[in-house]
Amino acid sequence: HVDHNVRISALRALGRIGPAGVAYAGAAARVCSDPNPQVRAGAAHALGRMGDPASADCLLGLLADRDSDVRSNAVVALAELSGASGLHIAAIVGLLCDEDRGVRKIAIEALSQMGTDGTAYAELVACCHSDDDCEVRAAAAELVGSLCEVGALPPGALVRFLEDEDGSVRRAVLQRL
């Protein structure tokens, strides 16, 4: 449709339908290159909610979008797909250094939801203790705590977060202990 608001509304409806709308995943994927960033973000959201693993390539492409909302929605969508591959995880790990703090935080949260053992990215997440945003550091502290529990990192990896100047980061560590 010519009106981007109509396309956005249609994508929201597909997202609400979830897996039952998987037959329309191809239509949602086709608008991943729409000129409007809200449409691209809506497409990522809908594809994630539908859970069609065939849409992973489209979502991986959106991780490099110039719009941070599009990148954030693509990260969440990839995390929602079942059977995340090493390629998906590696692409999300690459966003730990994104210019946008919201994208970095969502990337950490997505890695936490994906339920992998974390050995492939544990050290990179642990390095987030030096991020300039306290919310990113707090999210990283929670994930590092989980990675310590499964043996992907030594328990000492949390010490750097305990020494953080921000109380929310220290609380995140204490909640993991």
C-alpha atoms as a PDB file:
ATOM      1  CA  HIS A   1       0.000   0.000   0.000  1.00  0.00           C
ATOM      2  CA  VAL A   2       1.143   3.567  -0.714  1.00  0.00           C
ATOM      3  CA  ASP A   3       0.393   4.857   2.807  1.00  0.00           C
ATOM      4  CA  HIS A   4       3.097   3.790   5.255  1.00  0.00           C
ATOM      5  CA  ASN A   5       0.596   3.984   8.140  1.00  0.00           C
ATOM      6  CA  VAL A   6      -1.461   1.248   6.504  1.00  0.00           C
ATOM      7  CA  ARG A   7       1.638  -0.925   6.114  1.00  0.00           C
ATOM      8  CA  ILE A   8       2.567  -0.348   9.757  1.00  0.00           C
ATOM      9  CA  SER A   9      -0.965  -1.244  10.916  1.00  0.00           C
ATOM     10  CA  ALA A  10      -0.939  -4.415   8.836  1.00  0.00           C
ATOM     11  CA  LEU A  11       2.421  -5.434  10.325  1.00  0.00           C
ATOM     12  CA  ARG A  12       1.156  -4.788  13.853  1.00  0.00           C
ATOM     13  CA  ALA A  13      -1.825  -7.019  13.136  1.00  0.00           C
ATOM     14  CA  LEU A  14       0.478  -9.761  11.856  1.00  0.00           C
ATOM     15  CA  GLY A  15       2.557  -9.410  14.993  1.00  0.00           C
ATOM     16  CA  ARG A  16      -0.524  -9.833  17.169  1.00  0.00           C
ATOM     17  CA  ILE A  17      -1.548 -12.945  15.244  1.00  0.00           C
ATOM     18  CA  GLY A  18       1.875 -14.465  15.964  1.00  0.00           C
ATOM     19  CA  PRO A  19       2.664 -17.975  14.719  1.00  0.00           C
ATOM     20  CA  ALA A  20      -0.795 -18.330  13.192  1.00  0.00           C
ATOM     21  CA  GLY A  21       0.197 -15.672  10.654  1.00  0.00           C
ATOM     22  CA  VAL A  22       3.333 -17.450   9.467  1.00  0.00           C
ATOM     23  CA  ALA A  23       1.800 -17.864   6.006  1.00  0.00           C
ATOM     24  CA  TYR A  24       2.234 -14.094   5.634  1.00  0.00           C
ATOM     25  CA  ALA A  25       5.888 -14.012   6.698  1.00  0.00           C
ATOM     26  CA  GLY A  26       6.956 -13.569   3.078  1.00  0.00           C
ATOM     27  CA  ALA A  27       4.826 -10.453   2.765  1.00  0.00           C
ATOM     28  CA  ALA A  28       6.323  -9.048   5.957  1.00  0.00           C
ATOM     29  CA  ALA A  29       9.837  -9.868   4.762  1.00  0.00           C
ATOM     30  CA  ARG A  30       9.241  -7.998   1.507  1.00  0.00           C
ATOM     31  CA  VAL A  31       8.861  -4.703   3.378  1.00  0.00           C
ATOM     32  CA  CYS A  32      12.159  -5.101   5.240  1.00  0.00           C
ATOM     33  CA  SER A  33      13.637  -2.780   2.621  1.00  0.00           C
ATOM     34  CA  ASP A  34      10.844  -0.194   2.844  1.00  0.00           C
ATOM     35  CA  PRO A  35      12.119   3.405   2.816  1.00  0.00           C
ATOM     36  CA  ASN A  36      10.224   4.143   6.047  1.00  0.00           C
ATOM     37  CA  PRO A  37      12.092   3.010   9.194  1.00  0.00           C
ATOM     38  CA  GLN A  38       8.836   2.492  11.111  1.00  0.00           C
ATOM     39  CA  VAL A  39       7.727   0.009   8.470  1.00  0.00           C
ATOM     40  CA  ARG A  40      11.069  -1.819   8.643  1.00  0.00           C
ATOM     41  CA  ALA A  41      10.876  -1.927  12.451  1.00  0.00           C
ATOM     42  CA  GLY A  42       7.298  -3.203  12.218  1.00  0.00           C
ATOM     43  CA  ALA A  43       8.360  -5.888   9.769  1.00  0.00           C
ATOM     44  CA  ALA A  44      11.089  -7.072  12.147  1.00  0.00           C
ATOM     45  CA  HIS A  45       8.652  -7.166  15.038  1.00  0.00           C
ATOM     46  CA  ALA A  46       6.037  -9.088  13.048  1.00  0.00           C
ATOM     47  CA  LEU A  47       8.592 -11.591  11.742  1.00  0.00           C
ATOM     48  CA  GLY A  48       9.843 -12.266  15.247  1.00  0.00           C
ATOM     49  CA  ARG A  49       6.339 -12.760  16.610  1.00  0.00           C
ATOM     50  CA  MET A  50       5.486 -15.148  13.770  1.00  0.00           C
ATOM     51  CA  GLY A  51       8.598 -17.153  14.619  1.00  0.00           C
ATOM     52  CA  ASP A  52       9.380 -18.344  11.102  1.00  0.00           C
ATOM     53  CA  PRO A  53      13.051 -19.411  10.994  1.00  0.00           C
ATOM     54  CA  ALA A  54      13.033 -18.729   7.234  1.00  0.00           C
ATOM     55  CA  SER A  55      12.877 -14.994   8.023  1.00  0.00           C
ATOM     56  CA  ALA A  56      16.264 -15.038   9.777  1.00  0.00           C
ATOM     57  CA  ASP A  57      18.156 -13.773   6.713  1.00  0.00           C
ATOM     58  CA  CYS A  58      15.886 -10.755   6.439  1.00  0.00           C
ATOM     59  CA  LEU A  59      16.323 -10.048  10.151  1.00  0.00           C
ATOM     60  CA  LEU A  60      20.084 -10.435   9.962  1.00  0.00           C
ATOM     61  CA  GLY A  61      20.106  -7.790   7.233  1.00  0.00           C
ATOM     62  CA  LEU A  62      18.134  -5.417   9.445  1.00  0.00           C
ATOM     63  CA  LEU A  63      20.797  -5.610  12.166  1.00  0.00           C
ATOM     64  CA  ALA A  64      22.863  -3.267   9.984  1.00  0.00           C
ATOM     65  CA  ASP A  65      20.022  -0.780   9.409  1.00  0.00           C
ATOM     66  CA  ARG A  66      20.850   2.888   9.880  1.00  0.00           C
ATOM     67  CA  ASP A  67      17.879   3.300  12.255  1.00  0.00           C
ATOM     68  CA  SER A  68      18.408   2.154  15.852  1.00  0.00           C
ATOM     69  CA  ASP A  69      14.732   1.181  16.331  1.00  0.00           C
ATOM     70  CA  VAL A  70      14.969  -1.114  13.327  1.00  0.00           C
ATOM     71  CA  ARG A  71      18.150  -2.701  14.697  1.00  0.00           C
ATOM     72  CA  SER A  72      16.552  -3.130  18.133  1.00  0.00           C
ATOM     73  CA  ASN A  73      13.438  -4.772  16.704  1.00  0.00           C
ATOM     74  CA  ALA A  74      15.576  -7.083  14.567  1.00  0.00           C
ATOM     75  CA  VAL A  75      17.576  -8.190  17.630  1.00  0.00           C
ATOM     76  CA  VAL A  76      14.417  -8.994  19.584  1.00  0.00           C
ATOM     77  CA  ALA A  77      12.955 -10.807  16.591  1.00  0.00           C
ATOM     78  CA  LEU A  78      16.045 -12.967  16.118  1.00  0.00           C
ATOM     79  CA  ALA A  79      15.963 -13.881  19.802  1.00  0.00           C
ATOM     80  CA  GLU A  80      12.310 -14.935  19.399  1.00  0.00           C
ATOM     81  CA  LEU A  81      13.093 -17.337  16.558  1.00  0.00           C
ATOM     82  CA  SER A  82      13.475 -20.893  17.730  1.00  0.00           C
ATOM     83  CA  GLY A  83      16.728 -22.664  17.051  1.00  0.00           C
ATOM     84  CA  ALA A  84      19.007 -19.644  16.967  1.00  0.00           C
ATOM     85  CA  SER A  85      22.167 -20.502  15.096  1.00  0.00           C
ATOM     86  CA  GLY A  86      25.719 -19.452  15.787  1.00  0.00           C
ATOM     87  CA  LEU A  87      25.363 -16.947  12.970  1.00  0.00           C
ATOM     88  CA  HIS A  88      22.418 -15.264  14.724  1.00  0.00           C
ATOM     89  CA  ILE A  89      24.306 -15.150  17.999  1.00  0.00           C
ATOM     90  CA  ALA A  90      27.457 -13.795  16.349  1.00  0.00           C
ATOM     91  CA  ALA A  91      25.453 -11.063  14.637  1.00  0.00           C
ATOM     92  CA  ILE A  92      23.824 -10.039  17.907  1.00  0.00           C
ATOM     93  CA  VAL A  93      27.182 -10.118  19.711  1.00  0.00           C
ATOM     94  CA  GLY A  94      28.422  -7.687  17.074  1.00  0.00           C
ATOM     95  CA  LEU A  95      25.863  -5.174  18.349  1.00  0.00           C
ATOM     96  CA  LEU A  96      27.466  -5.076  21.811  1.00  0.00           C
ATOM     97  CA  CYS A  97      29.535  -2.241  20.323  1.00  0.00           C
ATOM     98  CA  ASP A  98      26.629  -0.455  18.617  1.00  0.00           C
ATOM     99  CA  GLU A  99      26.638   3.336  18.750  1.00  0.00           C
ATOM    100  CA  ASP A 100      23.176   3.326  20.346  1.00  0.00           C
ATOM    101  CA  ARG A 101      23.000   2.380  24.027  1.00  0.00           C
ATOM    102  CA  GLY A 102      19.479   1.011  23.628  1.00  0.00           C
ATOM    103  CA  VAL A 103      20.630  -1.391  20.929  1.00  0.00           C
ATOM    104  CA  ARG A 104      23.557  -2.525  23.101  1.00  0.00           C
ATOM    105  CA  LYS A 105      21.237  -3.179  26.050  1.00  0.00           C
ATOM    106  CA  ILE A 106      18.721  -5.071  23.913  1.00  0.00           C
ATOM    107  CA  ALA A 107      21.535  -7.157  22.405  1.00  0.00           C
ATOM    108  CA  ILE A 108      22.621  -8.214  25.900  1.00  0.00           C
ATOM    109  CA  GLU A 109      19.040  -9.007  26.915  1.00  0.00           C
ATOM    110  CA  ALA A 110      18.517 -11.004  23.723  1.00  0.00           C
ATOM    111  CA  LEU A 111      21.644 -13.074  24.332  1.00  0.00           C
ATOM    112  CA  SER A 112      20.348 -13.758  27.806  1.00  0.00           C
ATOM    113  CA  GLN A 113      17.004 -15.006  26.409  1.00  0.00           C
ATOM    114  CA  MET A 114      18.519 -17.209  23.731  1.00  0.00           C
ATOM    115  CA  GLY A 115      19.460 -19.895  26.221  1.00  0.00           C
ATOM    116  CA  THR A 116      22.850 -20.858  24.833  1.00  0.00           C
ATOM    117  CA  ASP A 117      25.771 -21.827  27.019  1.00  0.00           C
ATOM    118  CA  GLY A 118      27.446 -18.527  26.212  1.00  0.00           C
ATOM    119  CA  THR A 119      30.965 -19.774  25.692  1.00  0.00           C
ATOM    120  CA  ALA A 120      31.136 -18.134  22.255  1.00  0.00           C
ATOM    121  CA  TYR A 121      30.502 -14.625  23.592  1.00  0.00           C
ATOM    122  CA  ALA A 122      31.108 -14.720  27.354  1.00  0.00           C
ATOM    123  CA  GLU A 123      34.322 -12.704  27.325  1.00  0.00           C
ATOM    124  CA  LEU A 124      32.816 -10.021  25.076  1.00  0.00           C
ATOM    125  CA  VAL A 125      29.851  -9.555  27.410  1.00  0.00           C
ATOM    126  CA  ALA A 126      32.200  -9.406  30.395  1.00  0.00           C
ATOM    127  CA  CYS A 127      33.998  -6.513  28.682  1.00  0.00           C
ATOM    128  CA  CYS A 128      30.764  -4.507  28.814  1.00  0.00           C
ATOM    129  CA  HIS A 129      31.696  -3.577  32.404  1.00  0.00           C
ATOM    130  CA  SER A 130      33.348  -0.522  30.870  1.00  0.00           C
ATOM    131  CA  ASP A 131      30.336   0.622  28.817  1.00  0.00           C
ATOM    132  CA  ASP A 132      29.504   4.293  29.359  1.00  0.00           C
ATOM    133  CA  ASP A 133      25.823   3.538  30.081  1.00  0.00           C
ATOM    134  CA  CYS A 134      24.820   2.145  33.477  1.00  0.00           C
ATOM    135  CA  GLU A 135      21.766   0.310  32.066  1.00  0.00           C
ATOM    136  CA  VAL A 136      23.989  -1.534  29.607  1.00  0.00           C
ATOM    137  CA  ARG A 137      26.421  -2.390  32.411  1.00  0.00           C
ATOM    138  CA  ALA A 138      23.569  -3.627  34.643  1.00  0.00           C
ATOM    139  CA  ALA A 139      22.184  -5.842  31.871  1.00  0.00           C
ATOM    140  CA  ALA A 140      25.686  -7.155  31.217  1.00  0.00           C
ATOM    141  CA  ALA A 141      26.173  -7.886  34.926  1.00  0.00           C
ATOM    142  CA  GLU A 142      23.005  -9.995  34.959  1.00  0.00           C
ATOM    143  CA  LEU A 143      24.111 -11.943  31.901  1.00  0.00           C
ATOM    144  CA  VAL A 144      27.643 -12.397  33.248  1.00  0.00           C
ATOM    145  CA  GLY A 145      26.109 -13.796  36.431  1.00  0.00           C
ATOM    146  CA  SER A 146      24.185 -16.328  34.358  1.00  0.00           C
ATOM    147  CA  LEU A 147      27.302 -17.196  32.384  1.00  0.00           C
ATOM    148  CA  CYS A 148      29.194 -17.763  35.621  1.00  0.00           C
ATOM    149  CA  GLU A 149      26.445 -20.127  36.801  1.00  0.00           C
ATOM    150  CA  VAL A 150      26.836 -22.337  33.713  1.00  0.00           C
ATOM    151  CA  GLY A 151      30.621 -22.247  33.832  1.00  0.00           C
ATOM    152  CA  ALA A 152      31.171 -20.088  30.742  1.00  0.00           C
ATOM    153  CA  LEU A 153      32.981 -17.535  32.897  1.00  0.00           C
ATOM    154  CA  PRO A 154      34.818 -17.795  36.206  1.00  0.00           C
ATOM    155  CA  PRO A 155      32.931 -16.332  39.205  1.00  0.00           C
ATOM    156  CA  GLY A 156      35.567 -13.602  39.407  1.00  0.00           C
ATOM    157  CA  ALA A 157      34.150 -12.051  36.230  1.00  0.00           C
ATOM    158  CA  LEU A 158      31.445 -10.435  38.360  1.00  0.00           C
ATOM    159  CA  VAL A 159      33.973  -8.589  40.537  1.00  0.00           C
ATOM    160  CA  ARG A 160      34.466  -5.841  37.952  1.00  0.00           C
ATOM    161  CA  PHE A 161      30.739  -5.156  38.049  1.00  0.00           C
ATOM    162  CA  LEU A 162      30.682  -5.103  41.874  1.00  0.00           C
ATOM    163  CA  GLU A 163      33.193  -2.269  41.740  1.00  0.00           C
ATOM    164  CA  ASP A 164      30.905  -0.174  39.510  1.00  0.00           C
ATOM    165  CA  GLU A 165      30.152   3.387  40.573  1.00  0.00           C
ATOM    166  CA  ASP A 166      26.449   2.934  39.849  1.00  0.00           C
ATOM    167  CA  GLY A 167      24.229   1.268  42.434  1.00  0.00           C
ATOM    168  CA  SER A 168      21.949  -0.354  39.853  1.00  0.00           C
ATOM    169  CA  VAL A 169      24.904  -2.251  38.406  1.00  0.00           C
ATOM    170  CA  ARG A 170      26.014  -3.436  41.853  1.00  0.00           C
ATOM    171  CA  ARG A 171      22.414  -4.502  42.658  1.00  0.00           C
ATOM    172  CA  ALA A 172      22.285  -6.515  39.430  1.00  0.00           C
ATOM    173  CA  VAL A 173      25.368  -8.416  40.562  1.00  0.00           C
ATOM    174  CA  LEU A 174      24.020  -9.009  44.061  1.00  0.00           C
ATOM    175  CA  GLN A 175      20.775 -10.372  42.617  1.00  0.00           C
ATOM    176  CA  ARG A 176      22.792 -12.935  40.656  1.00  0.00           C
ATOM    177  CA  LEU A 177      24.690 -14.158  43.728  1.00  0.00           C
END
